[in-house]
N, C-alpha and C. Protein backbone atom coordinates (compact mmCIF):
# COMPACT_ATOMS: atom_id res chain seq x y z
N MET A 1 112.22 84.63 128.93
CA MET A 1 112.60 84.67 127.53
C MET A 1 112.35 83.30 126.91
N LYS A 2 111.49 83.25 125.95
CA LYS A 2 111.11 81.99 125.34
C LYS A 2 111.95 81.66 124.11
N TYR A 3 112.57 82.67 123.51
CA TYR A 3 113.41 82.43 122.35
C TYR A 3 114.85 82.18 122.82
N LYS A 4 115.69 81.73 121.89
CA LYS A 4 117.09 81.46 122.21
C LYS A 4 117.98 82.33 121.31
N THR A 5 119.07 82.81 121.86
CA THR A 5 120.08 83.49 121.07
C THR A 5 121.05 82.41 120.59
N ILE A 6 121.42 82.49 119.31
CA ILE A 6 122.21 81.42 118.71
C ILE A 6 123.41 82.01 117.98
N SER A 7 124.56 81.37 118.10
CA SER A 7 125.78 81.83 117.43
C SER A 7 125.70 81.54 115.94
N VAL A 8 126.61 82.14 115.19
CA VAL A 8 126.66 81.89 113.75
C VAL A 8 126.93 80.42 113.48
N ALA A 9 127.89 79.84 114.21
CA ALA A 9 128.22 78.42 114.01
C ALA A 9 127.00 77.53 114.29
N ASP A 10 126.31 77.79 115.39
CA ASP A 10 125.13 76.99 115.73
C ASP A 10 123.99 77.24 114.75
N SER A 11 123.90 78.46 114.22
CA SER A 11 122.84 78.74 113.26
C SER A 11 123.07 77.99 111.95
N LYS A 12 124.33 77.84 111.56
CA LYS A 12 124.64 77.06 110.35
C LYS A 12 124.19 75.61 110.53
N LYS A 13 124.44 75.07 111.73
CA LYS A 13 124.01 73.70 112.03
C LYS A 13 122.48 73.61 112.02
N LEU A 14 121.82 74.60 112.63
CA LEU A 14 120.36 74.64 112.64
C LEU A 14 119.79 74.67 111.22
N ILE A 15 120.37 75.51 110.38
CA ILE A 15 119.90 75.64 108.99
C ILE A 15 120.05 74.30 108.27
N LYS A 16 121.18 73.66 108.46
CA LYS A 16 121.44 72.39 107.78
C LYS A 16 120.51 71.28 108.27
N GLU A 17 120.29 71.22 109.58
CA GLU A 17 119.54 70.11 110.16
C GLU A 17 118.04 70.33 110.22
N SER A 18 117.61 71.56 110.51
CA SER A 18 116.19 71.80 110.77
C SER A 18 115.47 72.59 109.68
N LYS A 19 116.24 73.21 108.78
CA LYS A 19 115.65 74.03 107.72
C LYS A 19 114.61 75.01 108.26
N PRO A 20 115.05 75.91 109.16
CA PRO A 20 114.10 76.87 109.74
C PRO A 20 113.64 77.90 108.72
N MET A 21 112.56 78.56 109.01
CA MET A 21 112.18 79.74 108.24
C MET A 21 113.12 80.85 108.71
N ILE A 22 113.79 81.50 107.77
CA ILE A 22 114.77 82.53 108.11
C ILE A 22 114.16 83.89 107.81
N LEU A 23 114.16 84.75 108.81
CA LEU A 23 113.55 86.07 108.69
C LEU A 23 114.58 87.17 108.90
N ASP A 24 114.66 88.07 107.94
CA ASP A 24 115.57 89.21 107.98
C ASP A 24 114.75 90.45 108.35
N CYS A 25 115.06 91.06 109.48
CA CYS A 25 114.26 92.21 109.91
C CYS A 25 115.00 93.54 109.73
N ARG A 26 116.00 93.55 108.84
CA ARG A 26 116.69 94.80 108.52
C ARG A 26 115.88 95.60 107.51
N ALA A 27 116.34 96.79 107.21
CA ALA A 27 115.68 97.63 106.21
C ALA A 27 115.76 96.94 104.85
N MET A 28 114.77 97.22 104.00
CA MET A 28 114.71 96.59 102.69
C MET A 28 115.99 96.85 101.88
N THR A 29 116.55 98.04 101.99
CA THR A 29 117.77 98.34 101.23
C THR A 29 118.92 97.43 101.68
N ASP A 30 119.02 97.16 102.97
CA ASP A 30 120.06 96.25 103.47
C ASP A 30 119.79 94.82 103.02
N TYR A 31 118.53 94.41 103.07
CA TYR A 31 118.14 93.07 102.61
C TYR A 31 118.51 92.89 101.14
N ARG A 32 118.20 93.87 100.33
CA ARG A 32 118.51 93.79 98.90
C ARG A 32 120.01 93.75 98.64
N ALA A 33 120.79 94.38 99.51
CA ALA A 33 122.25 94.41 99.34
C ALA A 33 122.88 93.05 99.66
N GLY A 34 122.19 92.22 100.42
CA GLY A 34 122.69 90.90 100.77
C GLY A 34 121.96 90.34 101.97
N HIS A 35 121.69 89.04 101.93
CA HIS A 35 120.99 88.38 103.03
C HIS A 35 121.32 86.89 103.03
N LEU A 36 120.95 86.23 104.11
CA LEU A 36 121.14 84.78 104.18
C LEU A 36 120.30 84.11 103.12
N GLU A 37 120.81 83.03 102.59
CA GLU A 37 120.09 82.28 101.57
C GLU A 37 118.71 81.86 102.08
N ASP A 38 117.71 82.07 101.26
CA ASP A 38 116.31 81.72 101.55
C ASP A 38 115.65 82.59 102.61
N ALA A 39 116.32 83.65 103.05
CA ALA A 39 115.72 84.54 104.06
C ALA A 39 114.59 85.35 103.43
N LEU A 40 113.55 85.56 104.22
CA LEU A 40 112.43 86.41 103.83
C LEU A 40 112.58 87.76 104.52
N HIS A 41 112.28 88.82 103.82
CA HIS A 41 112.31 90.14 104.44
C HIS A 41 111.03 90.31 105.26
N VAL A 42 111.18 90.68 106.51
CA VAL A 42 110.03 90.83 107.40
C VAL A 42 109.38 92.19 107.18
N HIS A 43 108.08 92.17 106.94
CA HIS A 43 107.27 93.39 106.85
C HIS A 43 105.97 93.08 107.58
N GLU A 44 105.19 94.10 107.82
CA GLU A 44 103.98 93.92 108.65
C GLU A 44 103.04 92.85 108.12
N ASP A 45 102.83 92.79 106.80
CA ASP A 45 101.93 91.77 106.25
C ASP A 45 102.45 90.36 106.50
N LEU A 46 103.76 90.18 106.39
CA LEU A 46 104.34 88.86 106.65
C LEU A 46 104.18 88.50 108.13
N LYS A 47 104.46 89.44 109.01
CA LYS A 47 104.29 89.18 110.45
C LYS A 47 102.86 88.76 110.75
N GLU A 48 101.91 89.51 110.22
CA GLU A 48 100.50 89.21 110.46
C GLU A 48 100.12 87.84 109.92
N SER A 49 100.59 87.54 108.71
CA SER A 49 100.30 86.25 108.09
C SER A 49 100.88 85.09 108.90
N LEU A 50 102.11 85.25 109.36
CA LEU A 50 102.73 84.19 110.15
C LEU A 50 102.01 83.98 111.48
N VAL A 51 101.62 85.07 112.12
CA VAL A 51 100.91 84.95 113.39
C VAL A 51 99.57 84.23 113.20
N LYS A 52 98.87 84.57 112.12
CA LYS A 52 97.54 83.97 111.88
C LYS A 52 97.61 82.56 111.30
N ARG A 53 98.55 82.32 110.38
CA ARG A 53 98.53 81.06 109.64
C ARG A 53 99.86 80.32 109.61
N GLY A 54 100.86 80.83 110.32
CA GLY A 54 102.18 80.21 110.28
C GLY A 54 102.24 78.89 111.02
N ASP A 55 103.17 78.04 110.62
CA ASP A 55 103.41 76.76 111.28
C ASP A 55 104.20 77.03 112.55
N LYS A 56 103.54 77.00 113.68
CA LYS A 56 104.17 77.35 114.95
C LYS A 56 105.11 76.27 115.45
N GLN A 57 105.15 75.13 114.78
CA GLN A 57 106.08 74.06 115.13
C GLN A 57 107.39 74.19 114.36
N ARG A 58 107.39 74.96 113.26
CA ARG A 58 108.61 75.13 112.46
C ARG A 58 109.54 76.13 113.15
N SER A 59 110.82 75.82 113.14
CA SER A 59 111.81 76.72 113.73
C SER A 59 111.87 78.03 112.96
N LEU A 60 112.10 79.12 113.69
CA LEU A 60 112.32 80.43 113.09
C LEU A 60 113.72 80.90 113.48
N LEU A 61 114.48 81.36 112.50
CA LEU A 61 115.77 81.99 112.74
C LEU A 61 115.64 83.43 112.28
N ILE A 62 115.80 84.35 113.20
CA ILE A 62 115.58 85.76 112.92
C ILE A 62 116.88 86.52 113.11
N TYR A 63 117.15 87.42 112.18
CA TYR A 63 118.34 88.24 112.34
C TYR A 63 118.08 89.67 111.87
N CYS A 64 118.90 90.57 112.41
CA CYS A 64 118.88 91.97 112.01
C CYS A 64 120.33 92.31 111.65
N TYR A 65 120.73 93.55 111.83
CA TYR A 65 122.08 93.89 111.45
C TYR A 65 123.10 93.52 112.52
N TYR A 66 122.81 93.80 113.78
CA TYR A 66 123.77 93.52 114.86
C TYR A 66 123.24 92.59 115.94
N GLY A 67 122.00 92.15 115.84
CA GLY A 67 121.48 91.18 116.79
C GLY A 67 120.58 91.73 117.88
N HIS A 68 120.22 93.02 117.82
CA HIS A 68 119.36 93.58 118.88
C HIS A 68 117.89 93.60 118.47
N ALA A 69 117.59 94.14 117.30
CA ALA A 69 116.19 94.20 116.85
C ALA A 69 115.60 92.80 116.67
N SER A 70 116.44 91.85 116.27
CA SER A 70 115.94 90.49 116.07
C SER A 70 115.48 89.86 117.38
N GLU A 71 116.07 90.28 118.51
CA GLU A 71 115.63 89.76 119.79
C GLU A 71 114.20 90.19 120.09
N HIS A 72 113.85 91.42 119.74
CA HIS A 72 112.49 91.90 119.96
C HIS A 72 111.50 91.12 119.08
N LEU A 73 111.88 90.88 117.83
CA LEU A 73 111.00 90.13 116.94
C LEU A 73 110.90 88.67 117.37
N ALA A 74 112.00 88.11 117.84
CA ALA A 74 111.97 86.73 118.34
C ALA A 74 111.03 86.61 119.53
N GLU A 75 111.08 87.59 120.41
CA GLU A 75 110.17 87.60 121.56
C GLU A 75 108.72 87.73 121.10
N PHE A 76 108.47 88.57 120.10
CA PHE A 76 107.14 88.76 119.53
C PHE A 76 106.57 87.41 119.06
N PHE A 77 107.36 86.67 118.25
CA PHE A 77 106.86 85.40 117.73
C PHE A 77 106.72 84.37 118.84
N SER A 78 107.63 84.37 119.80
CA SER A 78 107.51 83.45 120.95
C SER A 78 106.21 83.73 121.70
N ASP A 79 105.90 85.01 121.90
CA ASP A 79 104.67 85.38 122.60
C ASP A 79 103.42 84.91 121.87
N PHE A 80 103.52 84.75 120.54
CA PHE A 80 102.37 84.28 119.76
C PHE A 80 102.38 82.76 119.57
N GLY A 81 103.19 82.06 120.36
CA GLY A 81 103.10 80.61 120.39
C GLY A 81 104.06 79.85 119.50
N PHE A 82 104.97 80.53 118.84
CA PHE A 82 105.97 79.79 118.06
C PHE A 82 106.90 79.11 119.06
N GLN A 83 107.16 77.82 118.81
CA GLN A 83 107.83 76.98 119.80
C GLN A 83 109.35 77.05 119.78
N ASP A 84 109.94 77.26 118.60
CA ASP A 84 111.38 77.12 118.43
C ASP A 84 111.91 78.35 117.69
N VAL A 85 112.19 79.41 118.44
CA VAL A 85 112.56 80.70 117.86
C VAL A 85 113.98 81.07 118.28
N TYR A 86 114.77 81.49 117.28
CA TYR A 86 116.17 81.84 117.51
C TYR A 86 116.45 83.24 116.98
N SER A 87 117.29 83.96 117.71
CA SER A 87 117.80 85.25 117.28
C SER A 87 119.30 85.07 117.04
N LEU A 88 119.76 85.47 115.86
CA LEU A 88 121.16 85.30 115.49
C LEU A 88 122.04 86.30 116.25
N GLU A 89 122.91 85.78 117.09
CA GLU A 89 123.81 86.61 117.89
C GLU A 89 124.76 87.38 116.97
N GLY A 90 124.80 88.69 117.13
CA GLY A 90 125.66 89.52 116.31
C GLY A 90 125.07 89.86 114.95
N GLY A 91 123.93 89.26 114.63
CA GLY A 91 123.20 89.57 113.41
C GLY A 91 123.95 89.28 112.12
N TYR A 92 123.48 89.93 111.06
CA TYR A 92 124.05 89.74 109.74
C TYR A 92 125.52 90.16 109.71
N SER A 93 125.87 91.13 110.51
CA SER A 93 127.25 91.59 110.58
C SER A 93 128.18 90.45 110.99
N SER A 94 127.82 89.68 112.01
CA SER A 94 128.63 88.54 112.44
C SER A 94 128.63 87.45 111.40
N TRP A 95 127.48 87.19 110.80
CA TRP A 95 127.37 86.17 109.75
C TRP A 95 128.33 86.51 108.61
N LYS A 96 128.28 87.75 108.17
CA LYS A 96 129.11 88.18 107.05
C LYS A 96 130.59 88.12 107.42
N ASP A 97 130.94 88.57 108.63
CA ASP A 97 132.33 88.53 109.08
C ASP A 97 132.86 87.10 109.09
N GLN A 98 132.07 86.16 109.57
CA GLN A 98 132.54 84.77 109.66
C GLN A 98 132.62 84.11 108.29
N HIS A 99 131.81 84.55 107.34
CA HIS A 99 131.89 84.00 105.99
C HIS A 99 133.08 84.57 105.22
N GLN A 100 133.51 85.77 105.57
CA GLN A 100 134.68 86.35 104.92
C GLN A 100 135.96 85.67 105.39
N GLU A 101 135.92 85.08 106.57
CA GLU A 101 137.09 84.40 107.12
C GLU A 101 137.33 83.06 106.44
N LEU A 102 136.31 82.52 105.79
CA LEU A 102 136.43 81.18 105.18
C LEU A 102 137.26 81.20 103.93
């Protein structure tokens, strides 16, 4: 496994310090209902563009709804040579839960 699973707390630190590209791989309706700030919705054209022309040195933070589908996408990008790939543990659901506690 070339990617890393990252907690919500660690992902906040990563976002603050490294400014990763944030990818949301949930359905478009879920993305439109709410997503992490600056997150891009992943679709086939974006995946293809990133694989062909993306900065493979830039960190990627990928999330889905519960943290399972994002692991597959994180592995996909790792396999294509992206060096610093993270899957958000617990997905958007965990992110949202921890933000409601604040």
